[in-house]
């Protein structure tokens, strides 16, 4: 299965989730935007812990790329804080939410439908900040994305990203026992593909810290800060077991 095939499956799947009221596809309301315009805001890279405001630097006039960040949740906040915002996403419904909020609140935004597993459609050094909430679980190879993020950032620009550790991809659906060997890759493992299909979970992939953190370093980033987070629900969450990392990386 090629990259286009599985990313198309994911775009269709996430579109269904949005239609069904998916938490991460529900745009912010006017009151949230109004508060953000007054400086009262927070955003998430992972399920529950807000990103420290110190990670962003000065947003007024900053060129921000929301990478796989459609849905009308984070990018409107950045626009309210004075940033020039571009959002790239492969799910049309997520981009529609961005345009809905932008039209309602009257700010400009560039919405690009593109597959982040392909070269990003931007010139070198186009952005000061790349914001990438949890989405890399839907791609098979991460390191090319890190290299592209580095390419489109200015020197000293920041990448803020949130991603799964492997824990979610070794347990069964009830999070009671270890079920899967690694890597979790439904493009080559029919049993894993069937497991995801039963739950209408799209095509998801495990990634090691070698790939995620080592890949950032190899792509030319310095890792400046990080924190852990849980799933926000389920048995692993109830046991306090962190399953996500949020990372602030700076292009060297």
Protein backbone atom coordinates (compact mmCIF):
# COMPACT_ATOMS: atom_id res chain seq x y z
CA UNK A 1 0.00 0.00 0.00
CA UNK A 2 1.52 3.36 -0.99
CA UNK A 3 1.46 6.57 1.03
CA UNK A 4 -1.34 8.05 -1.05
CA UNK A 5 -3.57 5.06 -0.44
CA UNK A 6 -3.36 5.05 3.35
CA UNK A 7 -3.45 8.84 3.70
CA UNK A 8 -6.58 8.92 1.55
CA UNK A 9 -8.13 6.33 3.87
CA UNK A 10 -7.27 8.53 6.84
CA UNK A 11 -8.71 11.67 5.24
CA UNK A 12 -11.98 9.82 4.59
CA UNK A 13 -12.03 8.37 8.10
CA UNK A 14 -11.38 11.68 9.82
CA UNK A 15 -14.05 13.30 7.66
CA UNK A 16 -16.55 10.79 9.07
CA UNK A 17 -15.38 11.51 12.59
CA UNK A 18 -15.92 15.24 12.06
CA UNK A 19 -19.46 14.58 10.79
CA UNK A 20 -20.08 12.54 13.96
CA UNK A 21 -18.93 15.37 16.25
CA UNK A 22 -15.29 14.41 16.80
CA UNK A 23 -13.72 16.35 19.67
CA UNK A 24 -10.73 17.42 17.57
CA UNK A 25 -12.87 18.55 14.66
CA UNK A 26 -15.15 20.96 16.54
CA UNK A 27 -14.18 24.61 15.92
CA UNK A 28 -13.95 27.15 18.71
CA UNK A 29 -16.92 29.42 19.37
CA UNK A 30 -17.01 33.21 19.18
CA UNK A 31 -16.54 33.68 22.91
CA UNK A 32 -13.34 31.62 22.90
CA UNK A 33 -12.02 33.71 20.01
CA UNK A 34 -13.00 36.94 21.78
CA UNK A 35 -11.11 35.89 24.92
CA UNK A 36 -8.08 34.94 22.83
CA UNK A 37 -8.10 38.37 21.21
CA UNK A 38 -7.86 39.81 24.74
CA UNK A 39 -4.88 37.57 25.53
CA UNK A 40 -6.74 34.84 27.42
CA UNK A 41 -6.00 31.61 25.57
CA UNK A 42 -4.43 28.18 25.62
CA UNK A 43 -3.99 25.42 23.04
CA UNK A 44 -3.24 21.70 23.11
CA UNK A 45 -0.63 19.60 21.33
CA UNK A 46 -1.67 16.45 23.23
CA UNK A 47 -4.97 15.39 24.80
CA UNK A 48 -5.03 17.24 28.14
CA UNK A 49 -2.03 19.46 29.01
CA UNK A 50 -1.98 23.01 27.63
CA UNK A 51 1.16 24.12 25.84
CA UNK A 52 3.24 26.55 27.97
CA UNK A 53 2.83 30.06 26.64
CA UNK A 54 6.60 30.51 26.84
CA UNK A 55 6.97 27.98 24.00
CA UNK A 56 5.44 30.39 21.46
CA UNK A 57 7.51 33.52 21.75
CA UNK A 58 6.04 36.63 20.16
CA UNK A 59 3.06 35.74 17.96
CA UNK A 60 2.24 39.26 16.79
CA UNK A 61 3.24 39.28 13.12
CA UNK A 62 4.74 35.77 13.27
CA UNK A 63 4.29 33.49 10.27
CA UNK A 64 2.71 30.32 11.65
CA UNK A 65 2.09 27.03 9.86
CA UNK A 66 -0.52 24.75 11.40
CA UNK A 67 0.77 21.41 10.13
CA UNK A 68 -2.06 18.84 10.06
CA UNK A 69 -3.74 21.32 12.39
CA UNK A 70 -7.13 21.85 10.77
CA UNK A 71 -10.37 21.83 12.72
CA UNK A 72 -10.70 25.46 13.74
CA UNK A 73 -9.22 24.99 17.20
CA UNK A 74 -5.61 26.17 17.36
CA UNK A 75 -5.06 28.30 14.26
CA UNK A 76 -7.88 30.75 15.12
CA UNK A 77 -6.18 31.33 18.47
CA UNK A 78 -2.92 32.18 16.72
CA UNK A 79 -4.76 34.56 14.40
CA UNK A 80 -6.41 36.21 17.41
CA UNK A 81 -2.92 36.67 18.90
CA UNK A 82 -1.82 38.54 15.77
CA UNK A 83 -0.09 35.81 13.77
CA UNK A 84 -0.20 35.36 9.99
CA UNK A 85 -1.62 31.86 9.78
CA UNK A 86 -1.43 29.11 7.18
CA UNK A 87 -3.04 25.74 7.87
CA UNK A 88 -2.20 22.57 5.96
CA UNK A 89 -4.44 19.54 6.33
CA UNK A 90 -5.49 16.61 4.14
CA UNK A 91 -9.08 16.31 5.42
CA UNK A 92 -11.43 18.74 3.64
CA UNK A 93 -13.83 18.94 6.60
CA UNK A 94 -11.00 20.14 8.85
CA UNK A 95 -10.15 22.93 6.43
CA UNK A 96 -13.83 23.86 6.14
CA UNK A 97 -13.88 24.41 9.90
CA UNK A 98 -10.89 26.74 9.60
CA UNK A 99 -12.59 28.78 6.91
CA UNK A 100 -15.83 28.89 8.91
CA UNK A 101 -14.12 30.45 11.93
CA UNK A 102 -12.02 32.84 9.81
CA UNK A 103 -15.10 34.12 7.97
CA UNK A 104 -17.08 34.45 11.20
CA UNK A 105 -14.34 36.37 12.99
CA UNK A 106 -13.02 38.33 10.00
CA UNK A 107 -9.35 37.40 9.81
CA UNK A 108 -7.33 36.17 6.80
CA UNK A 109 -6.07 32.59 6.67
CA UNK A 110 -4.47 30.47 3.98
CA UNK A 111 -5.93 26.94 3.90
CA UNK A 112 -3.96 24.36 1.93
CA UNK A 113 -5.18 20.82 1.28
CA UNK A 114 -2.05 18.73 1.04
CA UNK A 115 -0.63 15.44 2.26
CA UNK A 116 2.17 16.05 4.78
CA UNK A 117 3.90 12.82 3.72
CA UNK A 118 4.76 14.67 0.49
CA UNK A 119 7.11 17.66 0.17
CA UNK A 120 5.43 20.70 1.71
CA UNK A 121 4.21 23.23 -0.89
CA UNK A 122 6.15 26.18 0.57
CA UNK A 123 9.49 27.84 -0.18
CA UNK A 124 12.44 27.48 2.16
CA UNK A 125 12.31 29.56 5.36
CA UNK A 126 8.64 30.53 4.94
CA UNK A 127 7.64 30.29 8.62
CA UNK A 128 8.71 31.34 12.09
CA UNK A 129 6.68 28.65 13.87
CA UNK A 130 5.32 25.24 12.88
CA UNK A 131 2.58 23.88 15.14
CA UNK A 132 1.86 20.15 14.76
CA UNK A 133 -0.67 18.64 17.19
CA UNK A 134 -1.06 14.86 17.43
CA UNK A 135 -1.26 13.58 13.86
CA UNK A 136 1.95 11.69 13.15
CA UNK A 137 0.30 8.46 14.29
CA UNK A 138 -1.44 8.60 10.89
CA UNK A 139 1.78 8.55 8.87
CA UNK A 140 4.18 5.67 8.32
CA UNK A 141 7.47 7.58 8.07
CA UNK A 142 8.14 10.61 10.25
CA UNK A 143 11.69 11.61 9.44
CA UNK A 144 10.85 13.11 5.99
CA UNK A 145 8.28 15.31 7.74
CA UNK A 146 10.89 16.52 10.23
CA UNK A 147 13.20 17.42 7.35
CA UNK A 148 10.46 19.35 5.57
CA UNK A 149 9.52 21.19 8.77
CA UNK A 150 13.16 22.22 9.14
CA UNK A 151 13.31 23.35 5.52
CA UNK A 152 10.30 25.68 5.76
CA UNK A 153 11.37 27.20 9.09
CA UNK A 154 13.71 30.15 9.41
CA UNK A 155 16.91 29.54 11.41
CA UNK A 156 15.92 29.82 15.05
CA UNK A 157 12.29 29.03 14.20
CA UNK A 158 10.34 26.68 16.44
CA UNK A 159 8.55 23.39 15.83
CA UNK A 160 5.96 22.51 18.46
CA UNK A 161 4.77 18.93 18.08
CA UNK A 162 2.79 16.34 20.01
CA UNK A 163 2.93 12.61 19.37
CA UNK A 164 2.22 9.13 20.73
CA UNK A 165 4.83 7.01 22.38
CA UNK A 166 4.56 3.31 21.48
CA UNK A 167 2.42 2.38 24.51
CA UNK A 168 -0.92 2.86 22.77
CA UNK A 169 0.23 0.50 20.03
CA UNK A 170 1.19 -2.49 22.15
CA UNK A 171 -2.02 -2.88 24.20
CA UNK A 172 -5.38 -4.38 23.31
CA UNK A 173 -8.54 -2.34 22.85
CA UNK A 174 -9.38 -2.42 26.56
CA UNK A 175 -5.81 -1.48 27.52
CA UNK A 176 -5.70 -4.55 29.76
CA UNK A 177 -2.84 -6.55 28.26
CA UNK A 178 0.03 -6.34 25.84
CA UNK A 179 -1.19 -7.64 22.49
CA UNK A 180 0.92 -6.29 19.65
CA UNK A 181 4.57 -6.53 18.68
CA UNK A 182 6.27 -3.50 17.16
CA UNK A 183 6.26 -1.84 14.79
CA UNK A 184 2.50 -1.40 14.58
CA UNK A 185 2.03 -1.08 10.83
CA UNK A 186 -1.32 -2.01 9.28
CA UNK A 187 0.07 -1.65 5.76
CA UNK A 188 2.03 -4.88 6.28
CA UNK A 189 0.16 -6.62 9.13
CA UNK A 190 -3.33 -7.79 8.16
CA UNK A 191 -4.32 -8.53 11.76
CA UNK A 192 -3.43 -5.02 12.86
CA UNK A 193 -5.32 -3.60 9.88
CA UNK A 194 -8.43 -5.62 10.84
CA UNK A 195 -8.14 -4.43 14.45
CA UNK A 196 -8.18 -0.78 13.32
CA UNK A 197 -10.95 -1.37 10.80
CA UNK A 198 -13.25 -2.86 13.43
CA UNK A 199 -12.99 0.40 15.37
CA UNK A 200 -13.12 2.67 12.30
CA UNK A 201 -9.73 4.00 13.45
CA UNK A 202 -8.16 4.67 10.07
CA UNK A 203 -4.57 3.65 9.40
CA UNK A 204 -2.31 4.26 12.40
CA UNK A 205 1.36 3.57 13.04
CA UNK A 206 3.70 3.28 16.00
CA UNK A 207 6.90 5.33 16.15
CA UNK A 208 9.90 4.86 18.40
CA UNK A 209 11.68 7.65 20.24
CA UNK A 210 14.61 6.98 17.90
CA UNK A 211 12.34 8.05 15.04
CA UNK A 212 10.71 10.95 16.84
CA UNK A 213 13.41 12.55 18.98
CA UNK A 214 16.40 11.17 17.12
CA UNK A 215 14.75 12.19 13.85
CA UNK A 216 14.35 15.77 15.08
CA UNK A 217 18.02 15.95 15.99
CA UNK A 218 19.07 14.49 12.64
CA UNK A 219 16.86 16.98 10.79
CA UNK A 220 18.73 19.90 12.34
CA UNK A 221 16.67 20.70 15.42
CA UNK A 222 17.69 21.26 19.03
CA UNK A 223 15.18 19.93 21.56
CA UNK A 224 14.53 22.78 23.99
CA UNK A 225 11.75 21.40 26.19
CA UNK A 226 9.21 18.59 26.46
CA UNK A 227 6.47 17.19 28.67
CA UNK A 228 4.39 14.01 28.92
CA UNK A 229 0.62 13.58 28.75
CA UNK A 230 -1.96 10.81 29.03
CA UNK A 231 -4.75 9.70 26.70
CA UNK A 232 -7.27 11.76 28.67
CA UNK A 233 -9.53 8.71 29.08
CA UNK A 234 -9.37 4.92 29.36
CA UNK A 235 -7.47 2.56 31.64
CA UNK A 236 -3.98 3.86 30.88
CA UNK A 237 -5.17 7.37 31.72
CA UNK A 238 -6.81 6.17 34.94
CA UNK A 239 -3.52 4.53 35.94
CA UNK A 240 -1.64 7.75 35.23
CA UNK A 241 0.47 6.18 32.49
CA UNK A 242 1.74 8.83 30.04
CA UNK A 243 1.36 7.90 26.39
CA UNK A 244 2.22 11.19 24.63
CA UNK A 245 5.09 13.61 24.40
CA UNK A 246 4.92 17.29 23.51
CA UNK A 247 8.19 18.77 22.27
CA UNK A 248 9.52 22.23 21.56
CA UNK A 249 12.33 22.01 19.01
CA UNK A 250 14.28 24.88 17.48
CA UNK A 251 15.94 24.84 14.07
CA UNK A 252 19.68 25.17 14.45
